Amino acid sequence: MAAQNRWLTRGLDPDLTSARAANYLRSWRREMLKLAEACGVVHPALITGDMVEILLGHRASTPLWQQVGYDSPDWGLPSTAQVEQLRSIMAAAPHGGSAEPSATARR
């Protein structure tokens, strides 16, 4: 932090901020894994541009890859070797379930 004004730094708590950032990243990772699971793949990097549709109004939609201007739905996917590595890594990872209850959660 580079605030020179003491008043600006009085509310900053690096310990609290780092814990919040860590919680946010854990939650975001879990959401991305759930998205991958909903798409039928083991890792978010394996989601293709045609697995996600962008809604345009109430009745129209377009595939993600067309909406963002990719050349094909498979643009940006990992190589075959990388896909196999991801699959082997994710096979050993725990699946499903809920997050551990916090220390302050009511039981």
Protein backbone atom coordinates (compact mmCIF):
# COMPACT_ATOMS: atom_id res chain seq x y z
CA MET A 1 0.00 0.00 0.00
CA ALA A 2 1.35 3.35 -0.96
CA ALA A 3 -1.00 5.77 0.77
CA GLN A 4 0.91 8.70 2.23
CA ASN A 5 -2.12 10.03 4.07
CA ARG A 6 -2.52 8.42 7.49
CA TRP A 7 -6.30 8.88 7.37
CA LEU A 8 -6.50 6.81 4.17
CA THR A 9 -4.65 3.89 5.73
CA ARG A 10 -6.60 3.75 9.01
CA GLY A 11 -9.24 1.37 7.68
CA LEU A 12 -6.85 -0.95 5.87
CA ASP A 13 -6.33 -4.30 7.51
CA PRO A 14 -3.97 -6.49 5.47
CA ASP A 15 -4.79 -9.61 7.50
CA LEU A 16 -8.53 -9.21 6.99
CA THR A 17 -8.13 -8.22 3.35
CA SER A 18 -5.91 -11.20 2.57
CA ALA A 19 -8.40 -13.57 4.21
CA ARG A 20 -11.25 -12.07 2.20
CA ALA A 21 -9.25 -12.32 -1.02
CA ALA A 22 -8.43 -15.96 -0.29
CA ASN A 23 -12.10 -16.73 0.39
CA TYR A 24 -13.13 -14.99 -2.81
CA LEU A 25 -10.62 -16.96 -4.88
CA ARG A 26 -11.69 -20.26 -3.29
CA SER A 27 -15.33 -19.48 -4.03
CA TRP A 28 -14.55 -18.39 -7.58
CA ARG A 29 -12.57 -21.58 -8.21
CA ARG A 30 -15.47 -23.68 -6.92
CA GLU A 31 -17.92 -21.82 -9.16
CA MET A 32 -15.70 -22.38 -12.19
CA LEU A 33 -15.46 -26.09 -11.38
CA LYS A 34 -19.25 -26.27 -11.06
CA LEU A 35 -19.58 -24.56 -14.45
CA ALA A 36 -17.21 -27.11 -15.97
CA GLU A 37 -19.20 -29.92 -14.37
CA ALA A 38 -22.43 -28.49 -15.81
CA CYS A 39 -20.78 -28.45 -19.25
CA GLY A 40 -19.72 -32.08 -18.85
CA VAL A 41 -15.96 -31.50 -18.68
CA VAL A 42 -13.52 -32.07 -15.84
CA HIS A 43 -11.81 -28.67 -15.91
CA PRO A 44 -12.85 -25.12 -16.88
CA ALA A 45 -10.06 -24.95 -19.48
CA LEU A 46 -11.91 -27.64 -21.45
CA ILE A 47 -15.10 -25.59 -21.92
CA THR A 48 -15.51 -24.87 -25.62
CA GLY A 49 -17.08 -21.77 -27.08
CA ASP A 50 -20.19 -23.64 -28.16
CA MET A 51 -20.95 -24.98 -24.66
CA VAL A 52 -21.97 -21.50 -23.49
CA GLU A 53 -24.70 -19.42 -25.07
CA ILE A 54 -25.17 -15.70 -24.60
CA LEU A 55 -28.79 -14.61 -24.31
CA LEU A 56 -29.81 -11.76 -26.59
CA GLY A 57 -33.08 -10.42 -25.30
CA HIS A 58 -35.86 -12.79 -24.32
CA ARG A 59 -35.85 -15.36 -27.10
CA ALA A 60 -32.59 -15.23 -29.00
CA SER A 61 -29.16 -16.55 -28.13
CA THR A 62 -25.80 -16.96 -29.79
CA PRO A 63 -22.87 -19.25 -28.99
CA LEU A 64 -20.11 -17.65 -26.96
CA TRP A 65 -17.48 -18.19 -29.64
CA GLN A 66 -19.48 -16.24 -32.21
CA GLN A 67 -20.36 -13.46 -29.79
CA VAL A 68 -16.73 -12.76 -28.89
CA GLY A 69 -15.39 -13.23 -32.42
CA TYR A 70 -13.40 -16.47 -32.09
CA ASP A 71 -12.54 -18.27 -35.32
CA SER A 72 -14.02 -21.56 -34.13
CA PRO A 73 -15.64 -23.07 -31.01
CA ASP A 74 -12.38 -24.87 -30.19
CA TRP A 75 -10.22 -21.76 -30.30
CA GLY A 76 -7.98 -21.49 -27.23
CA LEU A 77 -8.37 -25.06 -26.03
CA PRO A 78 -5.33 -26.82 -24.57
CA SER A 79 -3.36 -29.30 -26.67
CA THR A 80 -4.19 -33.00 -26.55
CA ALA A 81 -1.26 -33.64 -24.19
CA GLN A 82 -2.40 -30.83 -21.89
CA VAL A 83 -5.96 -32.18 -21.91
CA GLU A 84 -4.67 -35.58 -20.79
CA GLN A 85 -2.64 -33.94 -18.03
CA LEU A 86 -5.70 -32.02 -16.85
CA ARG A 87 -7.78 -35.18 -16.83
CA SER A 88 -5.21 -37.08 -14.78
CA ILE A 89 -4.86 -34.21 -12.31
CA MET A 90 -8.60 -33.78 -11.95
CA ALA A 91 -9.19 -37.52 -11.53
CA ALA A 92 -7.31 -37.35 -8.23
CA ALA A 93 -9.13 -34.21 -7.04
CA PRO A 94 -12.14 -34.45 -4.72
CA HIS A 95 -15.51 -33.97 -6.41
CA GLY A 96 -18.80 -32.52 -5.23
CA GLY A 97 -19.76 -31.90 -1.68
CA SER A 98 -19.93 -28.66 0.19
CA ALA A 99 -17.34 -26.37 1.60
CA GLU A 100 -16.23 -26.97 5.15
CA PRO A 101 -18.34 -25.04 7.67
CA SER A 102 -16.65 -21.96 9.04
CA ALA A 103 -15.49 -21.81 12.64
CA THR A 104 -18.29 -19.38 13.47
CA ALA A 105 -21.10 -21.30 11.73
CA ARG A 106 -24.07 -22.30 13.86
CA ARG A 107 -24.35 -26.02 14.28
